[in-house]
Amino acid sequence: LDHSLSRNLLDYREVALSEFLDRCSEFD
């Protein structure tokens, strides 16, 4: 995902489960 061929194709971030559950509406 950090490779030069793919890094501009999507916006991603690493999150803990607690953050995902609190903010899941922000993720596609």
PDB file of all heavy atoms in Angstrom:
ATOM      1  N   LEU A   1       0.817  -1.210   0.000  1.00  0.00           N
ATOM      2  CA  LEU A   1       0.000   0.000   0.000  1.00  0.00           C
ATOM      3  C   LEU A   1       0.853   1.263   0.000  1.00  0.00           C
ATOM      4  O   LEU A   1       0.416   2.320  -0.476  1.00  0.00           O
ATOM      5  CB  LEU A   1      -0.929   0.002   1.209  1.00  0.00           C
ATOM      6  CG  LEU A   1      -2.073  -1.016   1.172  1.00  0.00           C
ATOM      7  CD1 LEU A   1      -2.816  -1.029   2.499  1.00  0.00           C
ATOM      8  CD2 LEU A   1      -3.033  -0.724   0.024  1.00  0.00           C
ATOM      9  N   ASP A   2       2.072   1.153   0.540  1.00  0.00           N
ATOM     10  CA  ASP A   2       2.985   2.297   0.549  1.00  0.00           C
ATOM     11  C   ASP A   2       3.831   2.376  -0.721  1.00  0.00           C
ATOM     12  O   ASP A   2       4.609   3.318  -0.880  1.00  0.00           O
ATOM     13  CB  ASP A   2       3.924   2.220   1.763  1.00  0.00           C
ATOM     14  CG  ASP A   2       3.213   2.575   3.055  1.00  0.00           C
ATOM     15  OD1 ASP A   2       2.173   3.246   2.997  1.00  0.00           O
ATOM     16  OD2 ASP A   2       3.693   2.162   4.135  1.00  0.00           O
ATOM     17  N   HIS A   3       3.693   1.406  -1.594  1.00  0.00           N
ATOM     18  CA  HIS A   3       4.491   1.365  -2.819  1.00  0.00           C
ATOM     19  C   HIS A   3       4.133   2.547  -3.716  1.00  0.00           C
ATOM     20  O   HIS A   3       2.997   3.032  -3.728  1.00  0.00           O
ATOM     21  CB  HIS A   3       4.242   0.048  -3.555  1.00  0.00           C
ATOM     22  CG  HIS A   3       5.245  -0.244  -4.615  1.00  0.00           C
ATOM     23  ND1 HIS A   3       5.182   0.315  -5.883  1.00  0.00           N
ATOM     24  CD2 HIS A   3       6.357  -1.032  -4.606  1.00  0.00           C
ATOM     25  CE1 HIS A   3       6.187  -0.128  -6.599  1.00  0.00           C
ATOM     26  NE2 HIS A   3       6.922  -0.940  -5.862  1.00  0.00           N
ATOM     27  N   SER A   4       5.109   3.016  -4.482  1.00  0.00           N
ATOM     28  CA  SER A   4       4.906   4.184  -5.337  1.00  0.00           C
ATOM     29  C   SER A   4       3.795   3.969  -6.367  1.00  0.00           C
ATOM     30  O   SER A   4       3.174   4.929  -6.825  1.00  0.00           O
ATOM     31  CB  SER A   4       6.210   4.545  -6.059  1.00  0.00           C
ATOM     32  OG  SER A   4       6.671   3.461  -6.857  1.00  0.00           O
ATOM     33  N   LEU A   5       3.535   2.716  -6.745  1.00  0.00           N
ATOM     34  CA  LEU A   5       2.504   2.443  -7.737  1.00  0.00           C
ATOM     35  C   LEU A   5       1.094   2.477  -7.152  1.00  0.00           C
ATOM     36  O   LEU A   5       0.116   2.522  -7.902  1.00  0.00           O
ATOM     37  CB  LEU A   5       2.749   1.075  -8.381  1.00  0.00           C
ATOM     38  CG  LEU A   5       4.019   0.931  -9.219  1.00  0.00           C
ATOM     39  CD1 LEU A   5       4.151  -0.488  -9.755  1.00  0.00           C
ATOM     40  CD2 LEU A   5       4.019   1.934 -10.374  1.00  0.00           C
ATOM     41  N   SER A   6       0.980   2.440  -5.830  1.00  0.00           N
ATOM     42  CA  SER A   6      -0.350   2.362  -5.234  1.00  0.00           C
ATOM     43  C   SER A   6      -0.646   3.430  -4.197  1.00  0.00           C
ATOM     44  O   SER A   6      -1.812   3.638  -3.853  1.00  0.00           O
ATOM     45  CB  SER A   6      -0.529   0.980  -4.571  1.00  0.00           C
ATOM     46  OG  SER A   6       0.479   0.745  -3.604  1.00  0.00           O
ATOM     47  N   ARG A   7       0.382   4.128  -3.714  1.00  0.00           N
ATOM     48  CA  ARG A   7       0.151   5.024  -2.577  1.00  0.00           C
ATOM     49  C   ARG A   7      -0.808   6.176  -2.894  1.00  0.00           C
ATOM     50  O   ARG A   7      -1.443   6.719  -1.989  1.00  0.00           O
ATOM     51  CB  ARG A   7       1.463   5.582  -2.045  1.00  0.00           C
ATOM     52  CG  ARG A   7       2.178   6.565  -2.942  1.00  0.00           C
ATOM     53  CD  ARG A   7       3.288   7.276  -2.165  1.00  0.00           C
ATOM     54  NE  ARG A   7       4.351   6.376  -1.798  1.00  0.00           N
ATOM     55  CZ  ARG A   7       5.541   6.342  -2.389  1.00  0.00           C
ATOM     56  NH1 ARG A   7       5.793   7.172  -3.399  1.00  0.00           N
ATOM     57  NH2 ARG A   7       6.473   5.505  -2.001  1.00  0.00           N
ATOM     58  N   ASN A   8      -0.916   6.539  -4.165  1.00  0.00           N
ATOM     59  CA  ASN A   8      -1.809   7.640  -4.526  1.00  0.00           C
ATOM     60  C   ASN A   8      -3.198   7.177  -4.956  1.00  0.00           C
ATOM     61  O   ASN A   8      -4.046   8.003  -5.316  1.00  0.00           O
ATOM     62  CB  ASN A   8      -1.177   8.478  -5.645  1.00  0.00           C
ATOM     63  CG  ASN A   8       0.099   9.181  -5.204  1.00  0.00           C
ATOM     64  OD1 ASN A   8       0.191   9.638  -4.065  1.00  0.00           O
ATOM     65  ND2 ASN A   8       1.068   9.247  -6.098  1.00  0.00           N
ATOM     66  N   LEU A   9      -3.415   5.874  -4.915  1.00  0.00           N
ATOM     67  CA  LEU A   9      -4.693   5.344  -5.361  1.00  0.00           C
ATOM     68  C   LEU A   9      -5.746   5.333  -4.264  1.00  0.00           C
ATOM     69  O   LEU A   9      -6.942   5.261  -4.537  1.00  0.00           O
ATOM     70  CB  LEU A   9      -4.508   3.921  -5.910  1.00  0.00           C
ATOM     71  CG  LEU A   9      -3.581   3.783  -7.127  1.00  0.00           C
ATOM     72  CD1 LEU A   9      -3.464   2.321  -7.539  1.00  0.00           C
ATOM     73  CD2 LEU A   9      -4.097   4.633  -8.285  1.00  0.00           C
ATOM     74  N   LEU A  10      -5.299   5.374  -3.013  1.00  0.00           N
ATOM     75  CA  LEU A  10      -6.240   5.352  -1.911  1.00  0.00           C
ATOM     76  C   LEU A  10      -5.612   5.983  -0.683  1.00  0.00           C
ATOM     77  O   LEU A  10      -4.390   6.095  -0.564  1.00  0.00           O
ATOM     78  CB  LEU A  10      -6.683   3.929  -1.586  1.00  0.00           C
ATOM     79  CG  LEU A  10      -5.714   2.996  -0.838  1.00  0.00           C
ATOM     80  CD1 LEU A  10      -6.456   1.778  -0.347  1.00  0.00           C
ATOM     81  CD2 LEU A  10      -4.547   2.569  -1.722  1.00  0.00           C
ATOM     82  N   ASP A  11      -6.464   6.381   0.219  1.00  0.00           N
ATOM     83  CA  ASP A  11      -6.030   6.979   1.485  1.00  0.00           C
ATOM     84  C   ASP A  11      -6.326   5.972   2.586  1.00  0.00           C
ATOM     85  O   ASP A  11      -7.484   5.616   2.812  1.00  0.00           O
ATOM     86  CB  ASP A  11      -6.781   8.283   1.732  1.00  0.00           C
ATOM     87  CG  ASP A  11      -6.406   8.924   3.062  1.00  0.00           C
ATOM     88  OD1 ASP A  11      -5.291   8.645   3.545  1.00  0.00           O
ATOM     89  OD2 ASP A  11      -7.223   9.676   3.614  1.00  0.00           O
ATOM     90  N   TYR A  12      -5.290   5.466   3.245  1.00  0.00           N
ATOM     91  CA  TYR A  12      -5.512   4.476   4.285  1.00  0.00           C
ATOM     92  C   TYR A  12      -4.760   4.876   5.543  1.00  0.00           C
ATOM     93  O   TYR A  12      -3.806   5.626   5.514  1.00  0.00           O
ATOM     94  CB  TYR A  12      -5.058   3.088   3.821  1.00  0.00           C
ATOM     95  CG  TYR A  12      -3.596   2.791   4.064  1.00  0.00           C
ATOM     96  CD1 TYR A  12      -3.198   2.106   5.210  1.00  0.00           C
ATOM     97  CD2 TYR A  12      -2.610   3.209   3.173  1.00  0.00           C
ATOM     98  CE1 TYR A  12      -1.856   1.852   5.446  1.00  0.00           C
ATOM     99  CE2 TYR A  12      -1.275   2.958   3.399  1.00  0.00           C
ATOM    100  CZ  TYR A  12      -0.907   2.267   4.543  1.00  0.00           C
ATOM    101  OH  TYR A  12       0.423   2.015   4.788  1.00  0.00           O
ATOM    102  N   ARG A  13      -5.206   4.339   6.642  1.00  0.00           N
ATOM    103  CA  ARG A  13      -4.479   4.512   7.891  1.00  0.00           C
ATOM    104  C   ARG A  13      -4.686   3.282   8.772  1.00  0.00           C
ATOM    105  O   ARG A  13      -5.697   2.589   8.666  1.00  0.00           O
ATOM    106  CB  ARG A  13      -4.902   5.780   8.622  1.00  0.00           C
ATOM    107  CG  ARG A  13      -6.303   5.810   9.189  1.00  0.00           C
ATOM    108  CD  ARG A  13      -6.509   7.127   9.948  1.00  0.00           C
ATOM    109  NE  ARG A  13      -7.781   7.228  10.623  1.00  0.00           N
ATOM    110  CZ  ARG A  13      -8.852   7.822  10.122  1.00  0.00           C
ATOM    111  NH1 ARG A  13      -8.784   8.345   8.906  1.00  0.00           N
ATOM    112  NH2 ARG A  13      -9.980   7.896  10.806  1.00  0.00           N
ATOM    113  N   GLU A  14      -3.701   3.035   9.615  1.00  0.00           N
ATOM    114  CA  GLU A  14      -3.752   1.899  10.530  1.00  0.00           C
ATOM    115  C   GLU A  14      -4.425   2.350  11.817  1.00  0.00           C
ATOM    116  O   GLU A  14      -4.033   3.351  12.411  1.00  0.00           O
ATOM    117  CB  GLU A  14      -2.344   1.398  10.826  1.00  0.00           C
ATOM    118  CG  GLU A  14      -1.555   1.025   9.573  1.00  0.00           C
ATOM    119  CD  GLU A  14      -0.063   1.167   9.774  1.00  0.00           C
ATOM    120  OE1 GLU A  14       0.411   0.887  10.896  1.00  0.00           O
ATOM    121  OE2 GLU A  14       0.608   1.589   8.828  1.00  0.00           O
ATOM    122  N   VAL A  15      -5.436   1.609  12.240  1.00  0.00           N
ATOM    123  CA  VAL A  15      -6.178   1.988  13.438  1.00  0.00           C
ATOM    124  C   VAL A  15      -6.414   0.768  14.326  1.00  0.00           C
ATOM    125  O   VAL A  15      -6.445  -0.370  13.850  1.00  0.00           O
ATOM    126  CB  VAL A  15      -7.541   2.619  13.091  1.00  0.00           C
ATOM    127  CG1 VAL A  15      -7.355   3.904  12.295  1.00  0.00           C
ATOM    128  CG2 VAL A  15      -8.425   1.639  12.326  1.00  0.00           C
ATOM    129  N   ALA A  16      -6.560   1.026  15.607  1.00  0.00           N
ATOM    130  CA  ALA A  16      -6.963  -0.010  16.548  1.00  0.00           C
ATOM    131  C   ALA A  16      -8.465  -0.246  16.407  1.00  0.00           C
ATOM    132  O   ALA A  16      -9.207   0.600  15.885  1.00  0.00           O
ATOM    133  CB  ALA A  16      -6.626   0.423  17.977  1.00  0.00           C
ATOM    134  N   LEU A  17      -8.921  -1.382  16.877  1.00  0.00           N
ATOM    135  CA  LEU A  17     -10.338  -1.704  16.766  1.00  0.00           C
ATOM    136  C   LEU A  17     -11.193  -0.649  17.458  1.00  0.00           C
ATOM    137  O   LEU A  17     -12.251  -0.264  16.941  1.00  0.00           O
ATOM    138  CB  LEU A  17     -10.618  -3.078  17.367  1.00  0.00           C
ATOM    139  CG  LEU A  17     -12.088  -3.503  17.396  1.00  0.00           C
ATOM    140  CD1 LEU A  17     -12.647  -3.588  15.991  1.00  0.00           C
ATOM    141  CD2 LEU A  17     -12.249  -4.822  18.132  1.00  0.00           C
ATOM    142  N   SER A  18     -10.758  -0.172  18.609  1.00  0.00           N
ATOM    143  CA  SER A  18     -11.543   0.819  19.352  1.00  0.00           C
ATOM    144  C   SER A  18     -11.775   2.072  18.519  1.00  0.00           C
ATOM    145  O   SER A  18     -12.889   2.631  18.509  1.00  0.00           O
ATOM    146  CB  SER A  18     -10.836   1.176  20.660  1.00  0.00           C
ATOM    147  OG  SER A  18      -9.523   1.659  20.411  1.00  0.00           O
ATOM    148  N   GLU A  19     -10.754   2.536  17.807  1.00  0.00           N
ATOM    149  CA  GLU A  19     -10.913   3.728  16.965  1.00  0.00           C
ATOM    150  C   GLU A  19     -11.837   3.439  15.798  1.00  0.00           C
ATOM    151  O   GLU A  19     -12.670   4.282  15.421  1.00  0.00           O
ATOM    152  CB  GLU A  19      -9.556   4.211  16.463  1.00  0.00           C
ATOM    153  CG  GLU A  19      -9.652   5.452  15.588  1.00  0.00           C
ATOM    154  CD  GLU A  19      -8.307   5.917  15.054  1.00  0.00           C
ATOM    155  OE1 GLU A  19      -7.269   5.368  15.481  1.00  0.00           O
ATOM    156  OE2 GLU A  19      -8.297   6.828  14.201  1.00  0.00           O
ATOM    157  N   PHE A  20     -11.702   2.259  15.214  1.00  0.00           N
ATOM    158  CA  PHE A  20     -12.575   1.896  14.095  1.00  0.00           C
ATOM    159  C   PHE A  20     -14.031   1.885  14.527  1.00  0.00           C
ATOM    160  O   PHE A  20     -14.916   2.400  13.819  1.00  0.00           O
ATOM    161  CB  PHE A  20     -12.176   0.536  13.536  1.00  0.00           C
ATOM    162  CG  PHE A  20     -13.050   0.059  12.413  1.00  0.00           C
ATOM    163  CD1 PHE A  20     -12.872   0.533  11.124  1.00  0.00           C
ATOM    164  CD2 PHE A  20     -14.062  -0.856  12.657  1.00  0.00           C
ATOM    165  CE1 PHE A  20     -13.690   0.107  10.085  1.00  0.00           C
ATOM    166  CE2 PHE A  20     -14.885  -1.286  11.629  1.00  0.00           C
ATOM    167  CZ  PHE A  20     -14.696  -0.812  10.343  1.00  0.00           C
ATOM    168  N   LEU A  21     -14.312   1.312  15.691  1.00  0.00           N
ATOM    169  CA  LEU A  21     -15.692   1.230  16.160  1.00  0.00           C
ATOM    170  C   LEU A  21     -16.258   2.616  16.461  1.00  0.00           C
ATOM    171  O   LEU A  21     -17.440   2.866  16.216  1.00  0.00           O
ATOM    172  CB  LEU A  21     -15.758   0.353  17.416  1.00  0.00           C
ATOM    173  CG  LEU A  21     -15.399  -1.126  17.224  1.00  0.00           C
ATOM    174  CD1 LEU A  21     -15.453  -1.859  18.550  1.00  0.00           C
ATOM    175  CD2 LEU A  21     -16.295  -1.795  16.195  1.00  0.00           C
ATOM    176  N   ASP A  22     -15.418   3.498  16.976  1.00  0.00           N
ATOM    177  CA  ASP A  22     -15.883   4.847  17.312  1.00  0.00           C
ATOM    178  C   ASP A  22     -16.101   5.708  16.074  1.00  0.00           C
ATOM    179  O   ASP A  22     -16.939   6.616  16.084  1.00  0.00           O
ATOM    180  CB  ASP A  22     -14.873   5.550  18.231  1.00  0.00           C
ATOM    181  CG  ASP A  22     -14.845   4.957  19.629  1.00  0.00           C
ATOM    182  OD1 ASP A  22     -15.825   4.283  20.008  1.00  0.00           O
ATOM    183  OD2 ASP A  22     -13.834   5.145  20.337  1.00  0.00           O
ATOM    184  N   ARG A  23     -15.346   5.413  14.990  1.00  0.00           N
ATOM    185  CA  ARG A  23     -15.359   6.308  13.831  1.00  0.00           C
ATOM    186  C   ARG A  23     -15.613   5.543  12.530  1.00  0.00           C
ATOM    187  O   ARG A  23     -15.183   5.962  11.465  1.00  0.00           O
ATOM    188  CB  ARG A  23     -14.023   7.044  13.749  1.00  0.00           C
ATOM    189  CG  ARG A  23     -13.643   7.759  15.039  1.00  0.00           C
ATOM    190  CD  ARG A  23     -12.250   8.321  15.011  1.00  0.00           C
ATOM    191  NE  ARG A  23     -12.093   9.361  14.011  1.00  0.00           N
ATOM    192  CZ  ARG A  23     -10.963  10.054  13.818  1.00  0.00           C
ATOM    193  NH1 ARG A  23      -9.901   9.783  14.560  1.00  0.00           N
ATOM    194  NH2 ARG A  23     -10.914  10.982  12.900  1.00  0.00           N
ATOM    195  N   CYS A  24     -16.327   4.432  12.614  1.00  0.00           N
ATOM    196  CA  CYS A  24     -16.472   3.571  11.441  1.00  0.00           C
ATOM    197  C   CYS A  24     -17.193   4.265  10.287  1.00  0.00           C
ATOM    198  O   CYS A  24     -17.004   3.905   9.124  1.00  0.00           O
ATOM    199  CB  CYS A  24     -17.165   2.266  11.811  1.00  0.00           C
ATOM    200  SG  CYS A  24     -18.824   2.462  12.490  1.00  0.00           S
ATOM    201  N   SER A  25     -17.995   5.267  10.577  1.00  0.00           N
ATOM    202  CA  SER A  25     -18.703   5.961   9.510  1.00  0.00           C
ATOM    203  C   SER A  25     -17.752   6.731   8.593  1.00  0.00           C
ATOM    204  O   SER A  25     -18.135   7.114   7.486  1.00  0.00           O
ATOM    205  CB  SER A  25     -19.732   6.938  10.098  1.00  0.00           C
ATOM    206  OG  SER A  25     -19.098   7.926  10.891  1.00  0.00           O
ATOM    207  N   GLU A  26     -16.498   6.925   9.036  1.00  0.00           N
ATOM    208  CA  GLU A  26     -15.519   7.661   8.231  1.00  0.00           C
ATOM    209  C   GLU A  26     -14.833   6.767   7.201  1.00  0.00           C
ATOM    210  O   GLU A  26     -14.132   7.269   6.322  1.00  0.00           O
ATOM    211  CB  GLU A  26     -14.457   8.289   9.135  1.00  0.00           C
ATOM    212  CG  GLU A  26     -15.008   9.280  10.154  1.00  0.00           C
ATOM    213  CD  GLU A  26     -13.924   9.815  11.073  1.00  0.00           C
ATOM    214  OE1 GLU A  26     -12.721   9.583  10.765  1.00  0.00           O
ATOM    215  OE2 GLU A  26     -14.262  10.454  12.088  1.00  0.00           O
ATOM    216  N   PHE A  27     -15.034   5.462   7.292  1.00  0.00           N
ATOM    217  CA  PHE A  27     -14.306   4.525   6.434  1.00  0.00           C
ATOM    218  C   PHE A  27     -15.192   3.983   5.327  1.00  0.00           C
ATOM    219  O   PHE A  27     -16.356   3.636   5.553  1.00  0.00           O
ATOM    220  CB  PHE A  27     -13.752   3.363   7.273  1.00  0.00           C
ATOM    221  CG  PHE A  27     -12.783   3.781   8.334  1.00  0.00           C
ATOM    222  CD1 PHE A  27     -13.206   3.990   9.636  1.00  0.00           C
ATOM    223  CD2 PHE A  27     -11.445   3.966   8.026  1.00  0.00           C
ATOM    224  CE1 PHE A  27     -12.313   4.377  10.621  1.00  0.00           C
ATOM    225  CE2 PHE A  27     -10.533   4.354   9.010  1.00  0.00           C
ATOM    226  CZ  PHE A  27     -10.983   4.569  10.311  1.00  0.00           C
ATOM    227  N   ASP A  28     -14.621   3.906   4.131  1.00  0.00           N
ATOM    228  CA  ASP A  28     -15.322   3.298   3.001  1.00  0.00           C
ATOM    229  C   ASP A  28     -15.148   1.785   2.979  1.00  0.00           C
ATOM    230  O   ASP A  28     -15.998   1.064   2.442  1.00  0.00           O
ATOM    231  CB  ASP A  28     -14.797   3.878   1.684  1.00  0.00           C
ATOM    232  CG  ASP A  28     -15.050   5.369   1.570  1.00  0.00           C
ATOM    233  OD1 ASP A  28     -16.195   5.794   1.836  1.00  0.00           O
ATOM    234  OD2 ASP A  28     -14.108   6.108   1.239  1.00  0.00           O
TER     235      ASP A  28
END
